Amino acid sequence: MGPLLVIDFVISGTFKGASSTLAYELGRHSQVFIPKPKDPYFYLWELDRTLTGPEAFMEEHRAASVFDRAAFEALYSEGGTALKGDATPLYLYCHEHAIPAIQADNPDAKIIIILRNPADRAFSNYNHNVKDGFETRSFSECIDNWEETETFPLHPFYHYVRAGFYDAQVVAYQAAFEHVKIITYDRVVNDIHLVLNEIANFLGIAPDFAPRSEAIRLNKSGGVRFPALHRFILQEGTIKSVLRPFYRSVLRDPYSRKRLAERVKNFNIESQEMAAADRSRLNAIYAVDVDRVSNRVGLDLAARWGI
């Protein structure tokens, strides 16, 4: 008996590539359903059994993942006839494991790939782990040893440099699926309305998105200004449970509540500048691969990214 659930499309990555923002905005469409969590990691269940990492990190990751088929299908129970999407951004990098699993459910799934300047992606990934208390090395140290340390079974969220070699990742998805849409991170951040219209056309639905003056910036990385505020935002507690009914009564629209929460979180995140020496090293590491993927997708990514 085949699977009951058919995933219509996948936002496969890259991670730290604005997939959270795109999934949230796309999920506002009446004909699209993306569950919570938007990134269940379901199609990496076989790989995940072998992964290692800091104990607290792995506990948090596995608590947020959905590897049971029944639980995965339950995420979509309210999706009705809408197009159903999975926005797990590790699927791109972990393509050798994700692609066969996705194909087993739907060989005709449509794939959306977001590409970000790989040096910026690596630094954002690193800062995300620092912010959450899961990284103590300097970024320069991470670059020094990437070829030795960034290997499986270490969890791919620690593959800061290796995850940025996009060409093989794109090749794998283009070979496996007929419909693959490539967009760039800067367009998601700066031109979300046009991107949404393009994706609606790609998915075969009308571009019926309510106008927004700006996109919500989700899952922003950087340094934390006020650690106590950061802990308050992330953790459940008595104070939050008391305040929640109040702000829900004032801000009845879920989008408004989400925007307020993200603005508070973003206010508390300080942008971090990558050291010029680190950027220069990464640009040299990525130069050949960026040229290859540029030719493959028909975009001058080297010029766009300054590599």
C-alpha atoms as a PDB file:
ATOM      1  CA  MET A   1       0.000   0.000   0.000  1.00  0.00           C
ATOM      2  CA  GLY A   2       1.410   3.366  -1.016  1.00  0.00           C
ATOM      3  CA  PRO A   3       1.690   6.406   1.213  1.00  0.00           C
ATOM      4  CA  LEU A   4      -1.521   8.237   1.993  1.00  0.00           C
ATOM      5  CA  LEU A   5       0.142  11.626   1.781  1.00  0.00           C
ATOM      6  CA  VAL A   6       1.590  13.135  -1.375  1.00  0.00           C
ATOM      7  CA  ILE A   7       3.863  16.138  -0.926  1.00  0.00           C
ATOM      8  CA  ASP A   8       3.351  18.460  -3.889  1.00  0.00           C
ATOM      9  CA  PHE A   9       6.439  20.616  -3.481  1.00  0.00           C
ATOM     10  CA  VAL A  10       9.597  20.910  -1.427  1.00  0.00           C
ATOM     11  CA  ILE A  11      11.634  23.963  -0.459  1.00  0.00           C
ATOM     12  CA  SER A  12      14.863  22.017  -0.200  1.00  0.00           C
ATOM     13  CA  GLY A  13      17.250  24.718   0.973  1.00  0.00           C
ATOM     14  CA  THR A  14      19.814  25.984   1.321  1.00  0.00           C
ATOM     15  CA  PHE A  15      19.785  26.245   5.109  1.00  0.00           C
ATOM     16  CA  LYS A  16      20.273  29.816   6.330  1.00  0.00           C
ATOM     17  CA  GLY A  17      18.887  30.811   2.946  1.00  0.00           C
ATOM     18  CA  ALA A  18      15.576  32.468   3.963  1.00  0.00           C
ATOM     19  CA  SER A  19      13.540  29.278   3.608  1.00  0.00           C
ATOM     20  CA  SER A  20      11.624  30.189   6.782  1.00  0.00           C
ATOM     21  CA  THR A  21      10.646  33.553   5.320  1.00  0.00           C
ATOM     22  CA  LEU A  22       9.635  32.046   1.986  1.00  0.00           C
ATOM     23  CA  ALA A  23       7.658  29.236   3.605  1.00  0.00           C
ATOM     24  CA  TYR A  24       5.753  31.633   5.853  1.00  0.00           C
ATOM     25  CA  GLU A  25       4.878  34.028   3.038  1.00  0.00           C
ATOM     26  CA  LEU A  26       3.980  31.230   0.625  1.00  0.00           C
ATOM     27  CA  GLY A  27       1.875  29.548   3.285  1.00  0.00           C
ATOM     28  CA  ARG A  28      -0.418  32.586   3.402  1.00  0.00           C
ATOM     29  CA  HIS A  29      -1.857  31.511   0.030  1.00  0.00           C
ATOM     30  CA  SER A  30      -5.252  29.811   0.337  1.00  0.00           C
ATOM     31  CA  GLN A  31      -4.148  27.004  -2.005  1.00  0.00           C
ATOM     32  CA  VAL A  32      -0.909  26.238  -0.174  1.00  0.00           C
ATOM     33  CA  PHE A  33      -0.439  24.337   3.073  1.00  0.00           C
ATOM     34  CA  ILE A  34       2.890  24.242   4.886  1.00  0.00           C
ATOM     35  CA  PRO A  35       2.678  22.699   8.359  1.00  0.00           C
ATOM     36  CA  LYS A  36       4.189  23.643  11.663  1.00  0.00           C
ATOM     37  CA  PRO A  37       7.001  22.832  11.899  1.00  0.00           C
ATOM     38  CA  LYS A  38       7.629  23.811   8.310  1.00  0.00           C
ATOM     39  CA  ASP A  39      10.810  21.705   8.375  1.00  0.00           C
ATOM     40  CA  PRO A  40       9.958  18.263   9.791  1.00  0.00           C
ATOM     41  CA  TYR A  41      13.157  16.636   8.412  1.00  0.00           C
ATOM     42  CA  PHE A  42      11.041  13.585   7.617  1.00  0.00           C
ATOM     43  CA  TYR A  43      12.872  12.641   4.422  1.00  0.00           C
ATOM     44  CA  LEU A  44      16.173  12.507   6.297  1.00  0.00           C
ATOM     45  CA  TRP A  45      15.019   9.969   8.881  1.00  0.00           C
ATOM     46  CA  GLU A  46      17.472   7.308   7.685  1.00  0.00           C
ATOM     47  CA  LEU A  47      20.460   9.675   7.768  1.00  0.00           C
ATOM     48  CA  ASP A  48      19.462  11.185  11.088  1.00  0.00           C
ATOM     49  CA  ARG A  49      19.841   7.894  12.920  1.00  0.00           C
ATOM     50  CA  THR A  50      23.592   8.045  12.256  1.00  0.00           C
ATOM     51  CA  LEU A  51      24.248  11.702  13.115  1.00  0.00           C
ATOM     52  CA  THR A  52      26.253  12.972  16.057  1.00  0.00           C
ATOM     53  CA  GLY A  53      26.784  16.357  17.665  1.00  0.00           C
ATOM     54  CA  PRO A  54      26.693  18.134  21.022  1.00  0.00           C
ATOM     55  CA  GLU A  55      24.171  16.375  23.237  1.00  0.00           C
ATOM     56  CA  ALA A  56      22.002  19.453  23.853  1.00  0.00           C
ATOM     57  CA  PHE A  57      21.987  20.281  20.133  1.00  0.00           C
ATOM     58  CA  MET A  58      20.951  16.766  19.129  1.00  0.00           C
ATOM     59  CA  GLU A  59      18.221  16.655  21.770  1.00  0.00           C
ATOM     60  CA  GLU A  60      16.790  19.953  20.523  1.00  0.00           C
ATOM     61  CA  HIS A  61      17.013  18.895  16.882  1.00  0.00           C
ATOM     62  CA  ARG A  62      15.335  15.528  17.386  1.00  0.00           C
ATOM     63  CA  ALA A  63      12.615  16.999  19.578  1.00  0.00           C
ATOM     64  CA  ALA A  64      11.674  19.286  16.668  1.00  0.00           C
ATOM     65  CA  SER A  65      11.892  16.591  13.972  1.00  0.00           C
ATOM     66  CA  VAL A  66       9.144  14.271  12.756  1.00  0.00           C
ATOM     67  CA  PHE A  67      10.424  10.887  11.603  1.00  0.00           C
ATOM     68  CA  ASP A  68       7.317   8.769  12.159  1.00  0.00           C
ATOM     69  CA  ARG A  69       5.137   8.364   9.051  1.00  0.00           C
ATOM     70  CA  ALA A  70       1.837   8.677  10.907  1.00  0.00           C
ATOM     71  CA  ALA A  71       3.018  11.774  12.764  1.00  0.00           C
ATOM     72  CA  PHE A  72       4.297  13.278   9.505  1.00  0.00           C
ATOM     73  CA  GLU A  73       0.972  12.754   7.765  1.00  0.00           C
ATOM     74  CA  ALA A  74      -0.841  14.176  10.792  1.00  0.00           C
ATOM     75  CA  LEU A  75       0.995  17.473  10.252  1.00  0.00           C
ATOM     76  CA  TYR A  76      -0.989  17.858   7.029  1.00  0.00           C
ATOM     77  CA  SER A  77      -4.368  16.762   8.379  1.00  0.00           C
ATOM     78  CA  GLU A  78      -5.806  20.260   8.018  1.00  0.00           C
ATOM     79  CA  GLY A  79      -4.378  20.820   4.547  1.00  0.00           C
ATOM     80  CA  GLY A  80      -7.493  19.734   2.671  1.00  0.00           C
ATOM     81  CA  THR A  81      -7.077  20.069  -1.085  1.00  0.00           C
ATOM     82  CA  ALA A  82      -4.330  22.697  -0.863  1.00  0.00           C
ATOM     83  CA  LEU A  83      -0.895  22.027  -2.309  1.00  0.00           C
ATOM     84  CA  LYS A  84       1.190  20.517   0.454  1.00  0.00           C
ATOM     85  CA  GLY A  85       4.784  21.559   0.978  1.00  0.00           C
ATOM     86  CA  ASP A  86       7.759  20.534   3.084  1.00  0.00           C
ATOM     87  CA  ALA A  87      10.321  23.287   3.721  1.00  0.00           C
ATOM     88  CA  THR A  88      13.227  21.412   5.290  1.00  0.00           C
ATOM     89  CA  PRO A  89      16.342  23.314   4.177  1.00  0.00           C
ATOM     90  CA  LEU A  90      18.801  20.473   4.816  1.00  0.00           C
ATOM     91  CA  TYR A  91      17.323  18.486   1.934  1.00  0.00           C
ATOM     92  CA  LEU A  92      19.510  20.343  -0.566  1.00  0.00           C
ATOM     93  CA  TYR A  93      22.838  19.616   1.105  1.00  0.00           C
ATOM     94  CA  CYS A  94      21.793  16.104   2.146  1.00  0.00           C
ATOM     95  CA  HIS A  95      20.487  15.350  -1.336  1.00  0.00           C
ATOM     96  CA  GLU A  96      21.852  11.801  -1.485  1.00  0.00           C
ATOM     97  CA  HIS A  97      19.475  10.822   1.305  1.00  0.00           C
ATOM     98  CA  ALA A  98      16.583  13.227   0.698  1.00  0.00           C
ATOM     99  CA  ILE A  99      16.045  12.707  -3.025  1.00  0.00           C
ATOM    100  CA  PRO A 100      15.255   8.951  -2.963  1.00  0.00           C
ATOM    101  CA  ALA A 101      12.911   9.438  -0.016  1.00  0.00           C
ATOM    102  CA  ILE A 102      11.054  12.312  -1.706  1.00  0.00           C
ATOM    103  CA  GLN A 103      10.841  10.378  -4.974  1.00  0.00           C
ATOM    104  CA  ALA A 104       9.344   7.398  -3.171  1.00  0.00           C
ATOM    105  CA  ASP A 105       6.435   9.603  -2.095  1.00  0.00           C
ATOM    106  CA  ASN A 106       6.105  11.720  -5.228  1.00  0.00           C
ATOM    107  CA  PRO A 107       8.479  11.459  -8.199  1.00  0.00           C
ATOM    108  CA  ASP A 108       6.686  14.468  -9.712  1.00  0.00           C
ATOM    109  CA  ALA A 109       7.233  16.762  -6.726  1.00  0.00           C
ATOM    110  CA  LYS A 110       8.224  20.314  -7.592  1.00  0.00           C
ATOM    111  CA  ILE A 111      11.469  21.508  -6.042  1.00  0.00           C
ATOM    112  CA  ILE A 112      12.297  25.057  -4.954  1.00  0.00           C
ATOM    113  CA  ILE A 113      15.961  25.824  -4.261  1.00  0.00           C
ATOM    114  CA  ILE A 114      17.254  29.039  -2.697  1.00  0.00           C
ATOM    115  CA  LEU A 115      20.933  29.826  -3.266  1.00  0.00           C
ATOM    116  CA  ARG A 116      22.779  32.265  -1.010  1.00  0.00           C
ATOM    117  CA  ASN A 117      26.307  33.649  -1.220  1.00  0.00           C
ATOM    118  CA  PRO A 118      28.096  30.609   0.252  1.00  0.00           C
ATOM    119  CA  ALA A 119      30.485  32.679   2.361  1.00  0.00           C
ATOM    120  CA  ASP A 120      27.581  34.593   3.913  1.00  0.00           C
ATOM    121  CA  ARG A 121      25.643  31.366   4.347  1.00  0.00           C
ATOM    122  CA  ALA A 122      28.545  29.764   6.212  1.00  0.00           C
ATOM    123  CA  PHE A 123      28.944  32.765   8.510  1.00  0.00           C
ATOM    124  CA  SER A 124      25.207  32.934   9.201  1.00  0.00           C
ATOM    125  CA  ASN A 125      25.139  29.200   9.954  1.00  0.00           C
ATOM    126  CA  TYR A 126      28.069  29.627  12.348  1.00  0.00           C
ATOM    127  CA  ASN A 127      26.443  32.600  14.104  1.00  0.00           C
ATOM    128  CA  HIS A 128      23.206  30.664  14.483  1.00  0.00           C
ATOM    129  CA  ASN A 129      25.031  27.974  16.437  1.00  0.00           C
ATOM    130  CA  VAL A 130      26.931  30.558  18.500  1.00  0.00           C
ATOM    131  CA  LYS A 131      23.668  32.350  19.322  1.00  0.00           C
ATOM    132  CA  ASP A 132      22.084  29.108  20.512  1.00  0.00           C
ATOM    133  CA  GLY A 133      25.125  28.176  22.598  1.00  0.00           C
ATOM    134  CA  PHE A 134      26.208  25.250  20.407  1.00  0.00           C
ATOM    135  CA  GLU A 135      29.491  26.642  19.044  1.00  0.00           C
ATOM    136  CA  THR A 136      32.551  27.905  20.956  1.00  0.00           C
ATOM    137  CA  ARG A 137      35.214  28.031  18.235  1.00  0.00           C
ATOM    138  CA  SER A 138      36.057  31.175  16.314  1.00  0.00           C
ATOM    139  CA  PHE A 139      34.832  31.314  12.729  1.00  0.00           C
ATOM    140  CA  SER A 140      38.423  31.439  11.537  1.00  0.00           C
ATOM    141  CA  GLU A 141      39.163  28.204  13.396  1.00  0.00           C
ATOM    142  CA  CYS A 142      36.189  26.549  11.719  1.00  0.00           C
ATOM    143  CA  ILE A 143      37.516  27.514   8.296  1.00  0.00           C
ATOM    144  CA  ASP A 144      41.015  26.282   9.175  1.00  0.00           C
ATOM    145  CA  ASN A 145      39.880  22.724   9.745  1.00  0.00           C
ATOM    146  CA  TRP A 146      36.770  22.380   7.613  1.00  0.00           C
ATOM    147  CA  GLU A 147      38.026  19.551   5.394  1.00  0.00           C
ATOM    148  CA  GLU A 148      38.801  17.387   8.433  1.00  0.00           C
ATOM    149  CA  THR A 149      35.948  18.324  10.761  1.00  0.00           C
ATOM    150  CA  GLU A 150      32.990  18.834   8.408  1.00  0.00           C
ATOM    151  CA  THR A 151      32.295  15.208   7.651  1.00  0.00           C
ATOM    152  CA  PHE A 152      29.501  12.820   8.514  1.00  0.00           C
ATOM    153  CA  PRO A 153      28.390  11.601  10.997  1.00  0.00           C
ATOM    154  CA  LEU A 154      28.761  15.138  12.439  1.00  0.00           C
ATOM    155  CA  HIS A 155      25.387  16.856  12.039  1.00  0.00           C
ATOM    156  CA  PRO A 156      25.310  18.862   8.777  1.00  0.00           C
ATOM    157  CA  PHE A 157      24.372  22.040  10.641  1.00  0.00           C
ATOM    158  CA  TYR A 158      28.066  22.101  11.574  1.00  0.00           C
ATOM    159  CA  HIS A 159      29.207  21.775   7.951  1.00  0.00           C
ATOM    160  CA  TYR A 160      29.635  25.526   7.621  1.00  0.00           C
ATOM    161  CA  VAL A 161      31.948  25.491   4.603  1.00  0.00           C
ATOM    162  CA  ARG A 162      31.136  22.182   2.941  1.00  0.00           C
ATOM    163  CA  ALA A 163      27.413  22.946   2.658  1.00  0.00           C
ATOM    164  CA  GLY A 164      28.161  25.880   0.338  1.00  0.00           C
ATOM    165  CA  PHE A 165      29.329  23.825  -2.637  1.00  0.00           C
ATOM    166  CA  TYR A 166      26.048  24.090  -4.501  1.00  0.00           C
ATOM    167  CA  ASP A 167      26.837  22.718  -7.943  1.00  0.00           C
ATOM    168  CA  ALA A 168      26.633  19.014  -7.087  1.00  0.00           C
ATOM    169  CA  GLN A 169      23.520  19.677  -5.015  1.00  0.00           C
ATOM    170  CA  VAL A 170      21.736  21.436  -7.884  1.00  0.00           C
ATOM    171  CA  VAL A 171      22.874  18.780 -10.376  1.00  0.00           C
ATOM    172  CA  ALA A 172      21.370  16.044  -8.214  1.00  0.00           C
ATOM    173  CA  TYR A 173      17.947  17.690  -7.989  1.00  0.00           C
ATOM    174  CA  GLN A 174      17.823  18.658 -11.660  1.00  0.00           C
ATOM    175  CA  ALA A 175      18.649  15.069 -12.598  1.00  0.00           C
ATOM    176  CA  ALA A 176      16.037  13.609 -10.259  1.00  0.00           C
ATOM    177  CA  PHE A 177      13.076  15.965 -10.788  1.00  0.00           C
ATOM    178  CA  GLU A 178      11.557  17.531 -13.873  1.00  0.00           C
ATOM    179  CA  HIS A 179      10.434  20.741 -12.175  1.00  0.00           C
ATOM    180  CA  VAL A 180      13.141  22.634 -10.276  1.00  0.00           C
ATOM    181  CA  LYS A 181      12.909  26.359  -9.516  1.00  0.00           C
ATOM    182  CA  ILE A 182      16.113  28.224  -8.599  1.00  0.00           C
ATOM    183  CA  ILE A 183      15.920  31.568  -6.797  1.00  0.00           C
ATOM    184  CA  THR A 184      18.468  33.581  -4.864  1.00  0.00           C
ATOM    185  CA  TYR A 185      18.434  34.630  -1.234  1.00  0.00           C
ATOM    186  CA  ASP A 186      18.713  38.333  -2.006  1.00  0.00           C
ATOM    187  CA  ARG A 187      15.526  38.197  -4.065  1.00  0.00           C
ATOM    188  CA  VAL A 188      13.591  36.536  -1.243  1.00  0.00           C
ATOM    189  CA  VAL A 189      14.769  39.232   1.160  1.00  0.00           C
ATOM    190  CA  ASN A 190      14.429  42.235  -1.155  1.00  0.00           C
ATOM    191  CA  ASP A 191      11.781  41.306  -3.737  1.00  0.00           C
ATOM    192  CA  ILE A 192       9.456  38.865  -1.996  1.00  0.00           C
ATOM    193  CA  HIS A 193       6.311  39.919  -3.888  1.00  0.00           C
ATOM    194  CA  LEU A 194       7.764  39.143  -7.311  1.00  0.00           C
ATOM    195  CA  VAL A 195       9.290  35.903  -6.014  1.00  0.00           C
ATOM    196  CA  LEU A 196       5.914  34.777  -4.649  1.00  0.00           C
ATOM    197  CA  ASN A 197       4.239  35.473  -7.985  1.00  0.00           C
ATOM    198  CA  GLU A 198       6.915  33.453  -9.798  1.00  0.00           C
ATOM    199  CA  ILE A 199       6.509  30.534  -7.417  1.00  0.00           C
ATOM    200  CA  ALA A 200       2.720  30.646  -7.721  1.00  0.00           C
ATOM    201  CA  ASN A 201       3.131  30.317 -11.477  1.00  0.00           C
ATOM    202  CA  PHE A 202       5.643  27.496 -10.954  1.00  0.00           C
ATOM    203  CA  LEU A 203       3.168  25.645  -8.720  1.00  0.00           C
ATOM    204  CA  GLY A 204       0.256  26.275 -11.085  1.00  0.00           C
ATOM    205  CA  ILE A 205      -1.839  28.473  -8.800  1.00  0.00           C
ATOM    206  CA  ALA A 206      -3.069  32.040  -9.111  1.00  0.00           C
ATOM    207  CA  PRO A 207      -0.809  34.667  -7.478  1.00  0.00           C
ATOM    208  CA  ASP A 208      -3.470  35.609  -4.934  1.00  0.00           C
ATOM    209  CA  PHE A 209      -1.305  37.003  -2.164  1.00  0.00           C
ATOM    210  CA  ALA A 210      -2.584  39.795   0.056  1.00  0.00           C
ATOM    211  CA  PRO A 211      -0.291  42.810  -0.354  1.00  0.00           C
ATOM    212  CA  ARG A 212       2.291  43.417   2.367  1.00  0.00           C
ATOM    213  CA  SER A 213       4.466  46.456   2.782  1.00  0.00           C
ATOM    214  CA  GLU A 214       7.356  44.201   3.812  1.00  0.00           C
ATOM    215  CA  ALA A 215       8.218  40.575   4.337  1.00  0.00           C
ATOM    216  CA  ILE A 216       8.807  39.209   7.800  1.00  0.00           C
ATOM    217  CA  ARG A 217      12.474  38.374   8.302  1.00  0.00           C
ATOM    218  CA  LEU A 218      12.421  35.011  10.074  1.00  0.00           C
ATOM    219  CA  ASN A 219      15.179  33.068  11.797  1.00  0.00           C
ATOM    220  CA  LYS A 220      17.690  35.906  11.601  1.00  0.00           C
ATOM    221  CA  SER A 221      21.235  35.121  12.733  1.00  0.00           C
ATOM    222  CA  GLY A 222      23.764  37.292  14.513  1.00  0.00           C
ATOM    223  CA  GLY A 223      24.962  38.253  17.949  1.00  0.00           C
ATOM    224  CA  VAL A 224      22.522  38.667  20.832  1.00  0.00           C
ATOM    225  CA  ARG A 225      22.304  42.153  22.373  1.00  0.00           C
ATOM    226  CA  PHE A 226      20.448  41.165  25.533  1.00  0.00           C
ATOM    227  CA  PRO A 227      20.792  37.473  26.505  1.00  0.00           C
ATOM    228  CA  ALA A 228      17.995  37.671  29.092  1.00  0.00           C
ATOM    229  CA  LEU A 229      15.536  38.969  26.474  1.00  0.00           C
ATOM    230  CA  HIS A 230      16.650  36.260  24.062  1.00  0.00           C
ATOM    231  CA  ARG A 231      16.000  33.543  26.650  1.00  0.00           C
ATOM    232  CA  PHE A 232      12.587  35.065  27.416  1.00  0.00           C
ATOM    233  CA  ILE A 233      11.600  35.010  23.744  1.00  0.00           C
ATOM    234  CA  LEU A 234      12.711  31.428  23.157  1.00  0.00           C
ATOM    235  CA  GLN A 235      11.578  29.748  26.353  1.00  0.00           C
ATOM    236  CA  GLU A 236       8.118  29.049  27.673  1.00  0.00           C
ATOM    237  CA  GLY A 237       7.329  30.282  31.165  1.00  0.00           C
ATOM    238  CA  THR A 238       4.758  31.716  33.547  1.00  0.00           C
ATOM    239  CA  ILE A 239       5.221  35.343  32.463  1.00  0.00           C
ATOM    240  CA  LYS A 240       4.733  34.511  28.789  1.00  0.00           C
ATOM    241  CA  SER A 241       1.641  32.428  29.551  1.00  0.00           C
ATOM    242  CA  VAL A 242       0.127  35.392  31.418  1.00  0.00           C
ATOM    243  CA  LEU A 243       0.966  37.913  28.692  1.00  0.00           C
ATOM    244  CA  ARG A 244      -0.113  35.757  25.744  1.00  0.00           C
ATOM    245  CA  PRO A 245      -3.923  36.313  26.085  1.00  0.00           C
ATOM    246  CA  PHE A 246      -3.328  40.070  26.352  1.00  0.00           C
ATOM    247  CA  TYR A 247      -1.338  40.528  23.173  1.00  0.00           C
ATOM    248  CA  ARG A 248      -3.616  38.122  21.299  1.00  0.00           C
ATOM    249  CA  SER A 249      -6.603  40.267  22.257  1.00  0.00           C
ATOM    250  CA  VAL A 250      -4.813  43.410  21.062  1.00  0.00           C
ATOM    251  CA  LEU A 251      -3.307  41.866  17.918  1.00  0.00           C
ATOM    252  CA  ARG A 252      -6.030  39.596  16.578  1.00  0.00           C
ATOM    253  CA  ASP A 253      -4.374  39.031  13.208  1.00  0.00           C
ATOM    254  CA  PRO A 254      -1.833  36.152  13.430  1.00  0.00           C
ATOM    255  CA  TYR A 255       0.368  37.926  10.874  1.00  0.00           C
ATOM    256  CA  SER A 256       0.546  41.035  13.088  1.00  0.00           C
ATOM    257  CA  ARG A 257       1.489  38.931  16.104  1.00  0.00           C
ATOM    258  CA  LYS A 258       4.139  37.127  14.102  1.00  0.00           C
ATOM    259  CA  ARG A 259       5.552  40.389  12.783  1.00  0.00           C
ATOM    260  CA  LEU A 260       5.741  41.863  16.291  1.00  0.00           C
ATOM    261  CA  ALA A 261       7.495  38.791  17.679  1.00  0.00           C
ATOM    262  CA  GLU A 262      10.005  38.723  14.838  1.00  0.00           C
ATOM    263  CA  ARG A 263      10.679  42.452  15.159  1.00  0.00           C
ATOM    264  CA  VAL A 264      11.451  41.999  18.842  1.00  0.00           C
ATOM    265  CA  LYS A 265      13.742  39.066  18.075  1.00  0.00           C
ATOM    266  CA  ASN A 266      15.421  40.907  15.204  1.00  0.00           C
ATOM    267  CA  PHE A 267      15.925  43.997  17.382  1.00  0.00           C
ATOM    268  CA  ASN A 268      17.799  41.801  19.833  1.00  0.00           C
ATOM    269  CA  ILE A 269      20.090  40.383  17.126  1.00  0.00           C
ATOM    270  CA  GLU A 270      23.175  42.401  16.266  1.00  0.00           C
ATOM    271  CA  SER A 271      24.509  42.042  12.745  1.00  0.00           C
ATOM    272  CA  GLN A 272      27.967  40.516  12.763  1.00  0.00           C
ATOM    273  CA  GLU A 273      30.567  41.463  10.183  1.00  0.00           C
ATOM    274  CA  MET A 274      32.725  38.716   8.786  1.00  0.00           C
ATOM    275  CA  ALA A 275      36.443  39.414   9.025  1.00  0.00           C
ATOM    276  CA  ALA A 276      37.853  40.452   5.654  1.00  0.00           C
ATOM    277  CA  ALA A 277      40.503  37.733   5.856  1.00  0.00           C
ATOM    278  CA  ASP A 278      37.858  35.059   6.429  1.00  0.00           C
ATOM    279  CA  ARG A 279      35.773  36.296   3.498  1.00  0.00           C
ATOM    280  CA  SER A 280      38.811  36.310   1.241  1.00  0.00           C
ATOM    281  CA  ARG A 281      39.629  32.720   2.192  1.00  0.00           C
ATOM    282  CA  LEU A 282      36.069  31.559   1.584  1.00  0.00           C
ATOM    283  CA  ASN A 283      35.829  33.368  -1.748  1.00  0.00           C
ATOM    284  CA  ALA A 284      38.927  31.500  -2.890  1.00  0.00           C
ATOM    285  CA  ILE A 285      37.518  28.193  -1.648  1.00  0.00           C
ATOM    286  CA  TYR A 286      34.210  28.678  -3.473  1.00  0.00           C
ATOM    287  CA  ALA A 287      35.321  30.418  -6.695  1.00  0.00           C
ATOM    288  CA  VAL A 288      35.386  27.378  -8.985  1.00  0.00           C
ATOM    289  CA  ASP A 289      32.121  25.932  -7.689  1.00  0.00           C
ATOM    290  CA  VAL A 290      30.340  29.287  -8.011  1.00  0.00           C
ATOM    291  CA  ASP A 291      31.412  29.504 -11.654  1.00  0.00           C
ATOM    292  CA  ARG A 292      30.066  26.014 -12.274  1.00  0.00           C
ATOM    293  CA  VAL A 293      26.695  26.572 -10.654  1.00  0.00           C
ATOM    294  CA  SER A 294      26.408  29.980 -12.369  1.00  0.00           C
ATOM    295  CA  ASN A 295      26.715  28.317 -15.758  1.00  0.00           C
ATOM    296  CA  ARG A 296      24.309  25.591 -14.734  1.00  0.00           C
ATOM    297  CA  VAL A 297      21.476  27.857 -13.599  1.00  0.00           C
ATOM    298  CA  GLY A 298      22.093  30.677 -16.080  1.00  0.00           C
ATOM    299  CA  LEU A 299      22.821  33.360 -13.490  1.00  0.00           C
ATOM    300  CA  ASP A 300      26.041  35.306 -12.967  1.00  0.00           C
ATOM    301  CA  LEU A 301      26.284  34.399  -9.316  1.00  0.00           C
ATOM    302  CA  ALA A 302      29.975  35.266  -9.150  1.00  0.00           C
ATOM    303  CA  ALA A 303      29.166  38.887  -9.972  1.00  0.00           C
ATOM    304  CA  ARG A 304      26.038  38.915  -7.818  1.00  0.00           C
ATOM    305  CA  TRP A 305      27.956  37.588  -4.814  1.00  0.00           C
ATOM    306  CA  GLY A 306      31.284  39.293  -5.411  1.00  0.00           C
ATOM    307  CA  ILE A 307      33.213  36.027  -5.616  1.00  0.00           C
END
